[in-house]
Protein backbone atom coordinates (compact mmCIF):
# COMPACT_ATOMS: atom_id res chain seq x y z
CA MET A 1 30.08 17.32 8.61
CA LYS A 2 29.13 13.89 9.86
CA LYS A 3 26.51 13.62 12.65
CA GLN A 4 27.90 12.33 15.94
CA ARG A 5 26.56 9.03 17.24
CA PHE A 6 27.29 9.75 20.91
CA PRO A 7 23.64 10.35 21.93
CA ASN A 8 22.64 6.96 20.47
CA ILE A 9 25.62 5.22 22.06
CA THR A 10 24.87 6.86 25.42
CA THR A 11 21.18 5.91 25.31
CA THR A 12 21.93 2.31 24.35
CA SER A 13 24.73 1.89 26.89
CA ASN A 14 22.54 3.36 29.68
CA ARG A 15 19.76 0.92 28.80
CA VAL A 16 22.16 -2.06 28.78
CA PHE A 17 23.82 -0.88 32.00
CA THR A 18 20.41 -0.54 33.71
CA ARG A 19 19.33 -4.02 32.60
CA ILE A 20 22.54 -5.59 33.88
CA VAL A 21 22.30 -3.84 37.25
CA LEU A 22 18.61 -4.68 37.72
CA SER A 23 19.24 -8.30 36.76
CA ILE A 24 22.00 -8.58 39.37
CA VAL A 25 19.86 -6.88 42.03
CA ARG A 26 16.79 -9.05 41.32
CA HIS A 27 18.73 -12.31 41.35
CA SER A 28 20.92 -11.57 44.38
CA ASP A 29 18.46 -12.78 46.98
CA PRO A 30 15.94 -15.63 46.83
CA VAL A 31 13.63 -13.72 49.18
CA LEU A 32 13.49 -10.69 46.89
CA GLN A 33 13.10 -13.04 43.92
CA GLN A 34 10.03 -14.65 45.55
CA MET A 35 8.42 -11.26 45.97
CA GLY A 36 8.62 -10.50 42.30
CA GLU A 37 8.04 -6.98 41.20
CA GLN A 38 5.04 -4.75 40.89
CA ARG A 39 5.00 -1.85 38.49
CA ILE A 40 3.42 1.29 39.82
CA TYR A 41 2.05 3.56 37.14
CA GLU A 42 0.86 6.42 39.31
CA GLY A 43 1.47 7.68 42.79
CA ASP A 44 4.55 7.33 44.91
CA VAL A 45 3.56 5.22 47.89
CA MET A 46 3.63 1.61 49.07
CA GLU A 47 0.59 0.37 50.98
CA THR A 48 -0.60 -2.55 53.05
CA SER A 49 -4.11 -3.29 54.20
CA GLN A 50 -5.82 -5.33 56.86
CA ARG A 51 -9.53 -5.74 56.39
CA SER A 52 -10.55 -2.13 55.64
CA ASP A 53 -7.56 -0.54 57.41
CA ILE A 54 -4.90 0.73 54.98
CA ARG A 55 -1.42 1.92 55.90
CA VAL A 56 0.74 3.86 53.46
CA SER A 57 4.47 4.51 53.30
CA ASP A 58 6.26 6.90 50.95
CA PHE A 59 8.79 5.50 48.52
CA GLN A 60 12.33 5.52 49.77
CA LEU A 61 15.52 6.08 47.83
CA ILE A 62 17.81 3.16 47.09
CA SER A 63 21.13 3.99 45.54
CA SER A 64 24.67 2.98 44.77
CA ASP A 65 27.76 4.52 43.21
CA PHE A 66 29.67 3.17 40.25
CA THR A 67 33.21 4.31 39.49
CA PHE A 68 34.63 3.82 36.02
CA THR A 69 38.17 5.13 35.88
CA HIS A 70 39.79 6.72 32.87
CA GLU A 71 42.19 3.78 32.80
CA MET A 72 39.30 1.27 32.62
CA ILE A 73 37.76 3.13 29.72
CA GLY A 74 41.02 3.96 27.96
CA THR A 75 42.31 0.39 28.04
CA THR A 76 38.82 -1.09 27.56
CA ASP A 77 39.41 -3.27 30.62
CA PHE A 78 36.14 -5.18 30.28
CA ASP A 79 36.78 -7.40 33.33
CA ALA A 80 37.32 -4.37 35.58
CA PHE A 81 34.21 -2.75 34.09
CA LEU A 82 32.11 -5.85 34.90
CA ASP A 83 33.61 -6.10 38.40
CA GLU A 84 32.60 -2.50 39.07
CA ILE A 85 29.07 -3.07 37.75
CA SER A 86 28.75 -6.15 40.00
CA ARG A 87 30.12 -4.32 43.04
CA GLY A 88 27.78 -1.35 42.52
CA ALA A 89 24.77 -3.57 41.81
CA LEU A 90 25.38 -5.59 44.98
CA ALA A 91 25.62 -2.35 46.97
CA MET A 92 22.30 -1.31 45.40
CA TYR A 93 20.79 -4.68 46.36
CA GLU A 94 21.90 -4.18 49.97
CA SER A 95 20.34 -0.72 49.96
CA GLN A 96 17.12 -2.13 48.46
CA GLN A 97 16.98 -4.94 51.03
CA ARG A 98 17.51 -2.60 54.02
CA THR A 99 14.91 -0.16 52.72
CA LEU A 100 12.32 -2.79 51.83
CA PHE A 101 12.44 -4.61 55.16
CA SER A 102 12.50 -1.32 57.07
CA GLN A 103 9.37 -0.16 55.22
CA LEU A 104 7.63 -3.51 55.65
CA SER A 105 8.38 -3.52 59.37
CA GLU A 106 7.02 0.01 59.74
CA LEU A 107 3.88 -0.71 57.70
CA THR A 108 3.02 -4.01 59.34
CA GLU A 109 3.59 -2.53 62.80
CA ARG A 110 1.25 0.39 62.07
CA ALA A 111 -1.36 -1.98 60.56
CA GLY A 112 -1.24 -4.22 63.64
CA GLN A 113 0.02 -7.22 61.66
CA THR A 114 3.06 -8.09 63.76
CA VAL A 115 3.49 -10.93 66.23
CA ASP A 116 6.31 -11.03 68.75
CA ALA A 117 7.19 -14.71 69.06
CA GLY A 118 10.22 -13.98 71.23
CA GLY A 119 12.55 -15.21 68.50
CA LYS A 120 11.06 -18.72 68.48
CA LEU A 121 8.67 -20.01 65.84
CA THR A 122 5.85 -22.01 67.39
CA TRP A 123 2.43 -23.23 66.30
CA GLU A 124 0.81 -20.65 68.59
CA ALA A 125 2.81 -17.82 66.97
CA TRP A 126 1.82 -19.11 63.52
CA MET A 127 -1.87 -19.14 64.48
CA GLN A 128 -1.58 -15.62 65.96
CA THR A 129 -0.04 -14.47 62.69
CA LEU A 130 -2.86 -15.99 60.63
CA GLU A 131 -5.42 -14.28 62.89
CA LYS A 132 -3.89 -10.90 62.05
CA LEU A 133 -3.61 -11.39 58.28
CA ASP A 134 -6.22 -10.91 55.59
CA LEU A 135 -6.47 -14.50 54.43
CA GLN A 136 -6.92 -15.14 50.73
CA PHE A 137 -9.13 -17.81 49.15
CA ASP A 138 -9.29 -18.81 45.49
CA GLU A 139 -12.48 -18.99 43.40
CA ARG A 140 -13.18 -22.51 44.76
CA GLY A 141 -12.86 -21.32 48.36
CA ASP A 142 -9.48 -23.01 48.92
CA TRP A 143 -7.05 -21.16 51.14
CA VAL A 144 -4.11 -19.51 49.39
CA ALA A 145 -1.34 -19.64 51.98
CA PRO A 146 0.71 -16.44 52.31
CA THR A 147 4.30 -16.19 51.15
CA LEU A 148 6.57 -16.39 54.16
CA VAL A 149 9.71 -14.28 54.42
CA ILE A 150 11.93 -15.62 57.19
CA HIS A 151 15.56 -15.55 58.11
CA PRO A 152 17.40 -18.67 56.88
CA ASN A 153 18.25 -19.52 60.50
CA GLN A 154 14.51 -19.99 61.16
CA GLN A 155 13.92 -22.44 58.30
CA ALA A 156 14.37 -25.55 60.46
CA ASP A 157 12.00 -24.21 63.15
CA LEU A 158 9.33 -23.43 60.54
CA GLU A 159 9.63 -26.89 58.99
CA ARG A 160 9.33 -28.42 62.48
CA VAL A 161 6.16 -26.42 63.21
CA PHE A 162 4.54 -27.49 59.92
CA GLN A 163 5.66 -31.12 60.38
CA GLU A 164 4.14 -31.24 63.87
CA ALA A 165 0.92 -29.71 62.52
CA SER A 166 0.69 -32.31 59.76
CA THR A 167 0.63 -35.13 62.35
CA ASP A 168 -1.31 -33.43 65.17
CA LEU A 169 -5.08 -33.69 64.67
CA ARG A 170 -5.77 -30.96 67.24
CA LYS A 171 -3.58 -28.49 65.33
CA GLN A 172 -5.15 -29.48 62.00
CA GLN A 173 -8.61 -28.91 63.48
CA GLN A 174 -7.53 -25.55 64.93
CA LEU A 175 -6.31 -24.41 61.51
CA GLU A 176 -9.43 -25.70 59.75
CA GLU A 177 -11.70 -23.88 62.23
CA LEU A 178 -9.81 -20.65 61.63
CA LEU A 179 -10.04 -21.06 57.86
CA GLN A 180 -13.77 -21.86 57.97
CA ARG A 181 -14.46 -18.84 60.16
CA ARG A 182 -12.44 -16.51 57.94
CA ARG A 183 -14.03 -17.97 54.79
CA ARG A 184 -17.51 -17.27 56.25
CA GLU A 185 -16.44 -13.70 57.12
CA LEU A 186 -15.20 -13.16 53.58
CA TYR A 187 -18.39 -14.55 52.01
CA ALA A 188 -20.55 -12.37 54.31
CA LYS A 189 -18.50 -9.31 53.38
CA GLU A 190 -18.77 -10.11 49.67
CA ALA A 191 -22.54 -10.72 49.94
CA ASN A 192 -23.03 -7.28 51.51
CA ARG A 193 -20.79 -5.47 49.07
CA LYS A 194 -22.50 -2.79 46.99
CA LEU A 195 -21.51 -2.48 43.37
CA VAL A 196 -21.23 1.03 41.98
CA ASP A 197 -22.13 1.90 38.40
């Protein structure tokens, strides 16, 4: 009796199906694409930190349903099969987006990293935001600006704020003073850090 190949076919098709779905989900939104992905090898939480204050959120379920009818399979209707994969993957993307931004909102609120700008992006709101964030500096001490996630409707306002700052010496000085102060704080913290064997 000949050995059935169904387990191998099932394993391979599941792997291909998963790759297709994940590719669609990852490339559905430029914001999610910017964030990249981070593999987690142990634990089941997402965390954010501000200075030494860490906030943790449990993983949340994202899901979607896929329906492959007997007719699709029996007639090998490949177009219908791909349409269903795309529909299900986009539903999964929407679930991922809702969950991610809900978790981020909860975490940043608990960590005290939110700024209520009243729906209007201004230089003052930007400076308040930078005050609340852990600013990053590279090995040369140059500031590594954070990745901004904003609604597309706010793009023009953000560009206006940065354009004004590039031509306003007072705003440039205000930013430079903030960066110098935060750089000094970081260096002082690093100088006092104790290494453990």
